[in-house]
Amino acid sequence: MSDSTWLTSEIHNPLAVGQYVNNCSNDRAANVCYQEFDVPAVFPVELKQYLPNIAYSYDKQSPLRCVVLVALRDISQGEELFSNYYTIVS
């Protein structure tokens, strides 16, 4: 049985769009790619709650690296997202 509790119209985490990305194929080219990203020290504190696997402490700053999705071209509203699951651009 699959967990489908995240499939709601209500946005729980505006930074988590990865679950909506499918793998590209010969018939469907990638329109997004994965990019390693160093979260800057000035990243808004109110958004840190949405970063996965982060233990935030106001008295200790530690660097955080994550993977983000980058659009390879303009993407229309409602268009399906495709990426290459095996490629991370660094």
PDB file of N, CA and C in Angstrom:
ATOM      1  N   MET A   1       0.844  -1.168   0.000  1.00  0.00           N
ATOM      2  CA  MET A   1       0.000   0.000   0.000  1.00  0.00           C
ATOM      3  C   MET A   1       0.892   1.234   0.000  1.00  0.00           C
ATOM      4  N   SER A   2       0.560   2.208  -0.796  1.00  0.00           N
ATOM      5  CA  SER A   2       1.339   3.437  -0.903  1.00  0.00           C
ATOM      6  C   SER A   2       0.775   4.517   0.007  1.00  0.00           C
ATOM      7  N   ASP A   3       1.668   5.359   0.504  1.00  0.00           N
ATOM      8  CA  ASP A   3       1.257   6.503   1.303  1.00  0.00           C
ATOM      9  C   ASP A   3       0.857   7.631   0.358  1.00  0.00           C
ATOM     10  N   SER A   4      -0.398   7.974   0.326  1.00  0.00           N
ATOM     11  CA  SER A   4      -0.865   9.044  -0.554  1.00  0.00           C
ATOM     12  C   SER A   4      -1.355  10.252   0.238  1.00  0.00           C
ATOM     13  N   THR A   5      -0.973  10.341   1.515  1.00  0.00           N
ATOM     14  CA  THR A   5      -1.452  11.442   2.347  1.00  0.00           C
ATOM     15  C   THR A   5      -0.918  12.791   1.879  1.00  0.00           C
ATOM     16  N   TRP A   6       0.189  12.807   1.128  1.00  0.00           N
ATOM     17  CA  TRP A   6       0.757  14.069   0.645  1.00  0.00           C
ATOM     18  C   TRP A   6       0.034  14.567  -0.604  1.00  0.00           C
ATOM     19  N   LEU A   7      -0.845  13.768  -1.196  1.00  0.00           N
ATOM     20  CA  LEU A   7      -1.574  14.158  -2.405  1.00  0.00           C
ATOM     21  C   LEU A   7      -2.818  14.954  -2.037  1.00  0.00           C
ATOM     22  N   THR A   8      -2.621  16.167  -1.641  1.00  0.00           N
ATOM     23  CA  THR A   8      -3.737  17.034  -1.282  1.00  0.00           C
ATOM     24  C   THR A   8      -3.608  18.348  -2.041  1.00  0.00           C
ATOM     25  N   SER A   9      -4.683  19.092  -2.091  1.00  0.00           N
ATOM     26  CA  SER A   9      -4.633  20.399  -2.749  1.00  0.00           C
ATOM     27  C   SER A   9      -4.022  21.451  -1.829  1.00  0.00           C
ATOM     28  N   GLU A  10      -3.908  21.139  -0.535  1.00  0.00           N
ATOM     29  CA  GLU A  10      -3.321  22.062   0.435  1.00  0.00           C
ATOM     30  C   GLU A  10      -1.802  21.922   0.426  1.00  0.00           C
ATOM     31  N   ILE A  11      -1.102  23.055   0.358  1.00  0.00           N
ATOM     32  CA  ILE A  11       0.360  23.033   0.335  1.00  0.00           C
ATOM     33  C   ILE A  11       0.882  22.909   1.759  1.00  0.00           C
ATOM     34  N   HIS A  12       1.588  21.811   2.045  1.00  0.00           N
ATOM     35  CA  HIS A  12       2.195  21.612   3.353  1.00  0.00           C
ATOM     36  C   HIS A  12       3.607  22.173   3.383  1.00  0.00           C
ATOM     37  N   ASN A  13       4.326  21.996   2.301  1.00  0.00           N
ATOM     38  CA  ASN A  13       5.698  22.475   2.205  1.00  0.00           C
ATOM     39  C   ASN A  13       5.900  23.060   0.812  1.00  0.00           C
ATOM     40  N   PRO A  14       5.928  24.389   0.692  1.00  0.00           N
ATOM     41  CA  PRO A  14       6.055  24.995  -0.633  1.00  0.00           C
ATOM     42  C   PRO A  14       7.395  24.734  -1.311  1.00  0.00           C
ATOM     43  N   LEU A  15       8.388  24.240  -0.576  1.00  0.00           N
ATOM     44  CA  LEU A  15       9.694  23.958  -1.172  1.00  0.00           C
ATOM     45  C   LEU A  15       9.819  22.515  -1.640  1.00  0.00           C
ATOM     46  N   ALA A  16       8.857  21.665  -1.341  1.00  0.00           N
ATOM     47  CA  ALA A  16       8.950  20.241  -1.679  1.00  0.00           C
ATOM     48  C   ALA A  16       8.124  19.936  -2.922  1.00  0.00           C
ATOM     49  N   VAL A  17       8.751  20.044  -4.076  1.00  0.00           N
ATOM     50  CA  VAL A  17       8.061  19.714  -5.320  1.00  0.00           C
ATOM     51  C   VAL A  17       8.634  18.446  -5.949  1.00  0.00           C
ATOM     52  N   GLY A  18       9.656  17.875  -5.337  1.00  0.00           N
ATOM     53  CA  GLY A  18      10.318  16.695  -5.891  1.00  0.00           C
ATOM     54  C   GLY A  18       9.404  15.509  -6.086  1.00  0.00           C
ATOM     55  N   GLN A  19       8.374  15.379  -5.248  1.00  0.00           N
ATOM     56  CA  GLN A  19       7.478  14.229  -5.388  1.00  0.00           C
ATOM     57  C   GLN A  19       6.593  14.327  -6.626  1.00  0.00           C
ATOM     58  N   TYR A  20       6.616  15.478  -7.294  1.00  0.00           N
ATOM     59  CA  TYR A  20       5.811  15.665  -8.501  1.00  0.00           C
ATOM     60  C   TYR A  20       6.621  15.449  -9.780  1.00  0.00           C
ATOM     61  N   VAL A  21       7.887  15.067  -9.657  1.00  0.00           N
ATOM     62  CA  VAL A  21       8.771  14.924 -10.816  1.00  0.00           C
ATOM     63  C   VAL A  21       8.842  13.462 -11.234  1.00  0.00           C
ATOM     64  N   ASN A  22       8.675  13.219 -12.530  1.00  0.00           N
ATOM     65  CA  ASN A  22       8.799  11.878 -13.088  1.00  0.00           C
ATOM     66  C   ASN A  22      10.093  11.774 -13.879  1.00  0.00           C
ATOM     67  N   ASN A  23      10.527  10.552 -14.134  1.00  0.00           N
ATOM     68  CA  ASN A  23      11.753  10.331 -14.886  1.00  0.00           C
ATOM     69  C   ASN A  23      11.495  10.589 -16.364  1.00  0.00           C
ATOM     70  N   CYS A  24      12.441  11.240 -17.024  1.00  0.00           N
ATOM     71  CA  CYS A  24      12.306  11.505 -18.454  1.00  0.00           C
ATOM     72  C   CYS A  24      12.495  10.205 -19.242  1.00  0.00           C
ATOM     73  N   SER A  25      12.171  10.268 -20.512  1.00  0.00           N
ATOM     74  CA  SER A  25      12.314   9.106 -21.386  1.00  0.00           C
ATOM     75  C   SER A  25      12.656   9.597 -22.789  1.00  0.00           C
ATOM     76  N   ASN A  26      12.766   8.675 -23.730  1.00  0.00           N
ATOM     77  CA  ASN A  26      13.013   9.071 -25.112  1.00  0.00           C
ATOM     78  C   ASN A  26      11.854   9.894 -25.666  1.00  0.00           C
ATOM     79  N   ASP A  27      10.645   9.644 -25.167  1.00  0.00           N
ATOM     80  CA  ASP A  27       9.460  10.355 -25.645  1.00  0.00           C
ATOM     81  C   ASP A  27       9.202  11.657 -24.897  1.00  0.00           C
ATOM     82  N   ARG A  28       9.712  11.767 -23.682  1.00  0.00           N
ATOM     83  CA  ARG A  28       9.465  12.940 -22.843  1.00  0.00           C
ATOM     84  C   ARG A  28      10.789  13.456 -22.297  1.00  0.00           C
ATOM     85  N   ALA A  29      11.229  14.580 -22.840  1.00  0.00           N
ATOM     86  CA  ALA A  29      12.528  15.144 -22.459  1.00  0.00           C
ATOM     87  C   ALA A  29      12.451  15.789 -21.079  1.00  0.00           C
ATOM     88  N   ALA A  30      13.594  15.856 -20.417  1.00  0.00           N
ATOM     89  CA  ALA A  30      13.672  16.511 -19.112  1.00  0.00           C
ATOM     90  C   ALA A  30      13.392  18.002 -19.269  1.00  0.00           C
ATOM     91  N   ASN A  31      12.598  18.556 -18.347  1.00  0.00           N
ATOM     92  CA  ASN A  31      12.375  20.000 -18.328  1.00  0.00           C
ATOM     93  C   ASN A  31      12.848  20.617 -17.010  1.00  0.00           C
ATOM     94  N   VAL A  32      13.317  19.779 -16.085  1.00  0.00           N
ATOM     95  CA  VAL A  32      13.963  20.231 -14.853  1.00  0.00           C
ATOM     96  C   VAL A  32      15.186  19.350 -14.612  1.00  0.00           C
ATOM     97  N   CYS A  33      16.133  19.871 -13.826  1.00  0.00           N
ATOM     98  CA  CYS A  33      17.294  19.065 -13.465  1.00  0.00           C
ATOM     99  C   CYS A  33      17.614  19.301 -11.995  1.00  0.00           C
ATOM    100  N   TYR A  34      18.420  18.434 -11.447  1.00  0.00           N
ATOM    101  CA  TYR A  34      18.828  18.530 -10.053  1.00  0.00           C
ATOM    102  C   TYR A  34      20.129  19.307  -9.956  1.00  0.00           C
ATOM    103  N   GLN A  35      20.235  20.153  -8.949  1.00  0.00           N
ATOM    104  CA  GLN A  35      21.420  20.978  -8.756  1.00  0.00           C
ATOM    105  C   GLN A  35      21.779  20.993  -7.278  1.00  0.00           C
ATOM    106  N   GLU A  36      23.038  20.730  -6.962  1.00  0.00           N
ATOM    107  CA  GLU A  36      23.482  20.866  -5.577  1.00  0.00           C
ATOM    108  C   GLU A  36      23.479  22.346  -5.216  1.00  0.00           C
ATOM    109  N   PHE A  37      23.121  22.650  -3.980  1.00  0.00           N
ATOM    110  CA  PHE A  37      22.943  24.038  -3.565  1.00  0.00           C
ATOM    111  C   PHE A  37      23.387  24.192  -2.118  1.00  0.00           C
ATOM    112  N   ASP A  38      24.274  25.155  -1.889  1.00  0.00           N
ATOM    113  CA  ASP A  38      24.677  25.498  -0.527  1.00  0.00           C
ATOM    114  C   ASP A  38      23.719  26.564  -0.017  1.00  0.00           C
ATOM    115  N   VAL A  39      22.976  26.242   1.010  1.00  0.00           N
ATOM    116  CA  VAL A  39      22.009  27.177   1.574  1.00  0.00           C
ATOM    117  C   VAL A  39      22.783  28.330   2.201  1.00  0.00           C
ATOM    118  N   PRO A  40      22.495  29.554   1.770  1.00  0.00           N
ATOM    119  CA  PRO A  40      23.246  30.693   2.302  1.00  0.00           C
ATOM    120  C   PRO A  40      22.905  30.970   3.759  1.00  0.00           C
ATOM    121  N   ALA A  41      23.839  31.588   4.452  1.00  0.00           N
ATOM    122  CA  ALA A  41      23.618  31.925   5.862  1.00  0.00           C
ATOM    123  C   ALA A  41      22.455  32.882   6.031  1.00  0.00           C
ATOM    124  N   VAL A  42      22.136  33.650   4.999  1.00  0.00           N
ATOM    125  CA  VAL A  42      21.041  34.624   5.089  1.00  0.00           C
ATOM    126  C   VAL A  42      19.701  34.040   4.634  1.00  0.00           C
ATOM    127  N   PHE A  43      19.619  32.731   4.507  1.00  0.00           N
ATOM    128  CA  PHE A  43      18.365  32.078   4.127  1.00  0.00           C
ATOM    129  C   PHE A  43      17.296  32.437   5.158  1.00  0.00           C
ATOM    130  N   PRO A  44      16.106  32.835   4.723  1.00  0.00           N
ATOM    131  CA  PRO A  44      15.076  33.286   5.673  1.00  0.00           C
ATOM    132  C   PRO A  44      14.745  32.237   6.735  1.00  0.00           C
ATOM    133  N   VAL A  45      14.817  32.631   7.976  1.00  0.00           N
ATOM    134  CA  VAL A  45      14.586  31.710   9.083  1.00  0.00           C
ATOM    135  C   VAL A  45      13.186  31.102   9.027  1.00  0.00           C
ATOM    136  N   GLU A  46      12.201  31.856   8.532  1.00  0.00           N
ATOM    137  CA  GLU A  46      10.839  31.318   8.465  1.00  0.00           C
ATOM    138  C   GLU A  46      10.697  30.211   7.425  1.00  0.00           C
ATOM    139  N   LEU A  47      11.662  30.082   6.508  1.00  0.00           N
ATOM    140  CA  LEU A  47      11.625  29.006   5.522  1.00  0.00           C
ATOM    141  C   LEU A  47      12.459  27.795   5.932  1.00  0.00           C
ATOM    142  N   LYS A  48      13.303  27.931   6.949  1.00  0.00           N
ATOM    143  CA  LYS A  48      14.154  26.810   7.372  1.00  0.00           C
ATOM    144  C   LYS A  48      13.336  25.615   7.839  1.00  0.00           C
ATOM    145  N   GLN A  49      12.138  25.852   8.320  1.00  0.00           N
ATOM    146  CA  GLN A  49      11.296  24.738   8.765  1.00  0.00           C
ATOM    147  C   GLN A  49      10.934  23.796   7.610  1.00  0.00           C
ATOM    148  N   TYR A  50      11.025  24.266   6.391  1.00  0.00           N
ATOM    149  CA  TYR A  50      10.660  23.453   5.233  1.00  0.00           C
ATOM    150  C   TYR A  50      11.829  22.667   4.661  1.00  0.00           C
ATOM    151  N   LEU A  51      13.038  22.928   5.111  1.00  0.00           N
ATOM    152  CA  LEU A  51      14.202  22.195   4.617  1.00  0.00           C
ATOM    153  C   LEU A  51      14.254  20.828   5.290  1.00  0.00           C
ATOM    154  N   PRO A  52      14.396  19.763   4.506  1.00  0.00           N
ATOM    155  CA  PRO A  52      14.414  18.419   5.111  1.00  0.00           C
ATOM    156  C   PRO A  52      15.710  18.154   5.865  1.00  0.00           C
ATOM    157  N   ASN A  53      15.599  17.351   6.871  1.00  0.00           N
ATOM    158  CA  ASN A  53      16.759  16.879   7.627  1.00  0.00           C
ATOM    159  C   ASN A  53      17.605  18.003   8.195  1.00  0.00           C
ATOM    160  N   ILE A  54      16.984  19.038   8.674  1.00  0.00           N
ATOM    161  CA  ILE A  54      17.728  20.139   9.264  1.00  0.00           C
ATOM    162  C   ILE A  54      17.377  20.241  10.738  1.00  0.00           C
ATOM    163  N   ALA A  55      18.397  20.337  11.533  1.00  0.00           N
ATOM    164  CA  ALA A  55      18.213  20.590  12.960  1.00  0.00           C
ATOM    165  C   ALA A  55      18.653  22.027  13.178  1.00  0.00           C
ATOM    166  N   TYR A  56      17.715  22.935  13.203  1.00  0.00           N
ATOM    167  CA  TYR A  56      18.036  24.351  13.291  1.00  0.00           C
ATOM    168  C   TYR A  56      18.202  24.779  14.734  1.00  0.00           C
ATOM    169  N   SER A  57      19.249  25.531  14.986  1.00  0.00           N
ATOM    170  CA  SER A  57      19.502  26.086  16.308  1.00  0.00           C
ATOM    171  C   SER A  57      19.892  27.546  16.134  1.00  0.00           C
ATOM    172  N   TYR A  58      19.266  28.423  16.888  1.00  0.00           N
ATOM    173  CA  TYR A  58      19.563  29.856  16.757  1.00  0.00           C
ATOM    174  C   TYR A  58      20.958  30.210  17.240  1.00  0.00           C
ATOM    175  N   ASP A  59      21.561  29.372  18.096  1.00  0.00           N
ATOM    176  CA  ASP A  59      22.874  29.706  18.642  1.00  0.00           C
ATOM    177  C   ASP A  59      24.036  29.026  17.913  1.00  0.00           C
ATOM    178  N   LYS A  60      23.748  28.137  16.964  1.00  0.00           N
ATOM    179  CA  LYS A  60      24.815  27.459  16.232  1.00  0.00           C
ATOM    180  C   LYS A  60      24.476  27.441  14.749  1.00  0.00           C
ATOM    181  N   GLN A  61      25.330  28.051  13.952  1.00  0.00           N
ATOM    182  CA  GLN A  61      25.149  28.049  12.505  1.00  0.00           C
ATOM    183  C   GLN A  61      26.056  26.989  11.885  1.00  0.00           C
ATOM    184  N   SER A  62      25.488  26.124  11.081  1.00  0.00           N
ATOM    185  CA  SER A  62      26.291  25.137  10.382  1.00  0.00           C
ATOM    186  C   SER A  62      25.883  25.138   8.911  1.00  0.00           C
ATOM    187  N   PRO A  63      26.833  24.920   8.012  1.00  0.00           N
ATOM    188  CA  PRO A  63      26.510  24.947   6.579  1.00  0.00           C
ATOM    189  C   PRO A  63      25.574  23.796   6.216  1.00  0.00           C
ATOM    190  N   LEU A  64      24.719  24.062   5.255  1.00  0.00           N
ATOM    191  CA  LEU A  64      23.763  23.058   4.809  1.00  0.00           C
ATOM    192  C   LEU A  64      23.803  22.983   3.296  1.00  0.00           C
ATOM    193  N   ARG A  65      23.950  21.785   2.777  1.00  0.00           N
ATOM    194  CA  ARG A  65      23.925  21.547   1.332  1.00  0.00           C
ATOM    195  C   ARG A  65      22.711  20.685   1.032  1.00  0.00           C
ATOM    196  N   CYS A  66      22.000  21.052  -0.027  1.00  0.00           N
ATOM    197  CA  CYS A  66      20.834  20.268  -0.422  1.00  0.00           C
ATOM    198  C   CYS A  66      20.790  20.180  -1.942  1.00  0.00           C
ATOM    199  N   VAL A  67      19.803  19.496  -2.445  1.00  0.00           N
ATOM    200  CA  VAL A  67      19.599  19.366  -3.886  1.00  0.00           C
ATOM    201  C   VAL A  67      18.298  20.069  -4.222  1.00  0.00           C
ATOM    202  N   VAL A  68      18.353  20.941  -5.221  1.00  0.00           N
ATOM    203  CA  VAL A  68      17.174  21.684  -5.646  1.00  0.00           C
ATOM    204  C   VAL A  68      16.862  21.348  -7.101  1.00  0.00           C
ATOM    205  N   LEU A  69      15.637  21.634  -7.502  1.00  0.00           N
ATOM    206  CA  LEU A  69      15.233  21.465  -8.895  1.00  0.00           C
ATOM    207  C   LEU A  69      15.377  22.796  -9.620  1.00  0.00           C
ATOM    208  N   VAL A  70      15.928  22.744 -10.823  1.00  0.00           N
ATOM    209  CA  VAL A  70      16.106  23.932 -11.644  1.00  0.00           C
ATOM    210  C   VAL A  70      15.395  23.691 -12.973  1.00  0.00           C
ATOM    211  N   ALA A  71      14.576  24.657 -13.390  1.00  0.00           N
ATOM    212  CA  ALA A  71      13.888  24.545 -14.673  1.00  0.00           C
ATOM    213  C   ALA A  71      14.883  24.696 -15.809  1.00  0.00           C
ATOM    214  N   LEU A  72      14.805  23.836 -16.805  1.00  0.00           N
ATOM    215  CA  LEU A  72      15.678  23.902 -17.968  1.00  0.00           C
ATOM    216  C   LEU A  72      15.099  24.815 -19.044  1.00  0.00           C
ATOM    217  N   ARG A  73      13.826  25.155 -18.902  1.00  0.00           N
ATOM    218  CA  ARG A  73      13.135  26.051 -19.829  1.00  0.00           C
ATOM    219  C   ARG A  73      11.892  26.563 -19.127  1.00  0.00           C
ATOM    220  N   ASP A  74      11.164  27.461 -19.752  1.00  0.00           N
ATOM    221  CA  ASP A  74       9.901  27.922 -19.173  1.00  0.00           C
ATOM    222  C   ASP A  74       8.943  26.748 -19.082  1.00  0.00           C
ATOM    223  N   ILE A  75       8.268  26.635 -17.947  1.00  0.00           N
ATOM    224  CA  ILE A  75       7.332  25.529 -17.723  1.00  0.00           C
ATOM    225  C   ILE A  75       5.942  26.120 -17.542  1.00  0.00           C
ATOM    226  N   SER A  76       4.992  25.604 -18.311  1.00  0.00           N
ATOM    227  CA  SER A  76       3.620  26.099 -18.258  1.00  0.00           C
ATOM    228  C   SER A  76       2.894  25.545 -17.042  1.00  0.00           C
ATOM    229  N   GLN A  77       1.919  26.301 -16.563  1.00  0.00           N
ATOM    230  CA  GLN A  77       1.100  25.836 -15.446  1.00  0.00           C
ATOM    231  C   GLN A  77       0.416  24.529 -15.843  1.00  0.00           C
ATOM    232  N   GLY A  78       0.476  23.551 -14.967  1.00  0.00           N
ATOM    233  CA  GLY A  78      -0.146  22.256 -15.211  1.00  0.00           C
ATOM    234  C   GLY A  78       0.709  21.292 -16.005  1.00  0.00           C
ATOM    235  N   GLU A  79       1.854  21.732 -16.515  1.00  0.00           N
ATOM    236  CA  GLU A  79       2.737  20.865 -17.288  1.00  0.00           C
ATOM    237  C   GLU A  79       3.420  19.860 -16.371  1.00  0.00           C
ATOM    238  N   GLU A  80       3.539  18.631 -16.834  1.00  0.00           N
ATOM    239  CA  GLU A  80       4.198  17.589 -16.055  1.00  0.00           C
ATOM    240  C   GLU A  80       5.702  17.844 -16.013  1.00  0.00           C
ATOM    241  N   LEU A  81       6.312  17.572 -14.851  1.00  0.00           N
ATOM    242  CA  LEU A  81       7.750  17.779 -14.673  1.00  0.00           C
ATOM    243  C   LEU A  81       8.489  16.463 -14.917  1.00  0.00           C
ATOM    244  N   PHE A  82       9.587  16.553 -15.694  1.00  0.00           N
ATOM    245  CA  PHE A  82      10.425  15.390 -15.983  1.00  0.00           C
ATOM    246  C   PHE A  82      11.879  15.739 -15.722  1.00  0.00           C
ATOM    247  N   SER A  83      12.603  14.805 -15.138  1.00  0.00           N
ATOM    248  CA  SER A  83      14.037  14.973 -14.924  1.00  0.00           C
ATOM    249  C   SER A  83      14.721  13.649 -15.189  1.00  0.00           C
ATOM    250  N   ASN A  84      16.034  13.680 -15.202  1.00  0.00           N
ATOM    251  CA  ASN A  84      16.808  12.468 -15.280  1.00  0.00           C
ATOM    252  C   ASN A  84      17.177  12.104 -13.845  1.00  0.00           C
ATOM    253  N   TYR A  85      16.634  11.038 -13.333  1.00  0.00           N
ATOM    254  CA  TYR A  85      16.854  10.657 -11.939  1.00  0.00           C
ATOM    255  C   TYR A  85      18.315  10.397 -11.613  1.00  0.00           C
ATOM    256  N   TYR A  86      19.115  10.127 -12.630  1.00  0.00           N
ATOM    257  CA  TYR A  86      20.490   9.701 -12.387  1.00  0.00           C
ATOM    258  C   TYR A  86      21.515  10.802 -12.548  1.00  0.00           C
ATOM    259  N   THR A  87      21.084  12.020 -12.821  1.00  0.00           N
ATOM    260  CA  THR A  87      22.023  13.103 -13.073  1.00  0.00           C
ATOM    261  C   THR A  87      21.866  14.209 -12.050  1.00  0.00           C
ATOM    262  N   ILE A  88      22.952  14.560 -11.382  1.00  0.00           N
ATOM    263  CA  ILE A  88      22.983  15.728 -10.519  1.00  0.00           C
ATOM    264  C   ILE A  88      24.052  16.647 -11.063  1.00  0.00           C
ATOM    265  N   VAL A  89      23.663  17.863 -11.400  1.00  0.00           N
ATOM    266  CA  VAL A  89      24.595  18.841 -11.930  1.00  0.00           C
ATOM    267  C   VAL A  89      25.274  19.516 -10.750  1.00  0.00           C
ATOM    268  N   SER A  90      26.588  19.616 -10.790  1.00  0.00           N
ATOM    269  CA  SER A  90      27.287  20.290  -9.694  1.00  0.00           C
ATOM    270  C   SER A  90      28.130  21.420 -10.224  1.00  0.00           C
TER     271      SER A  90
END
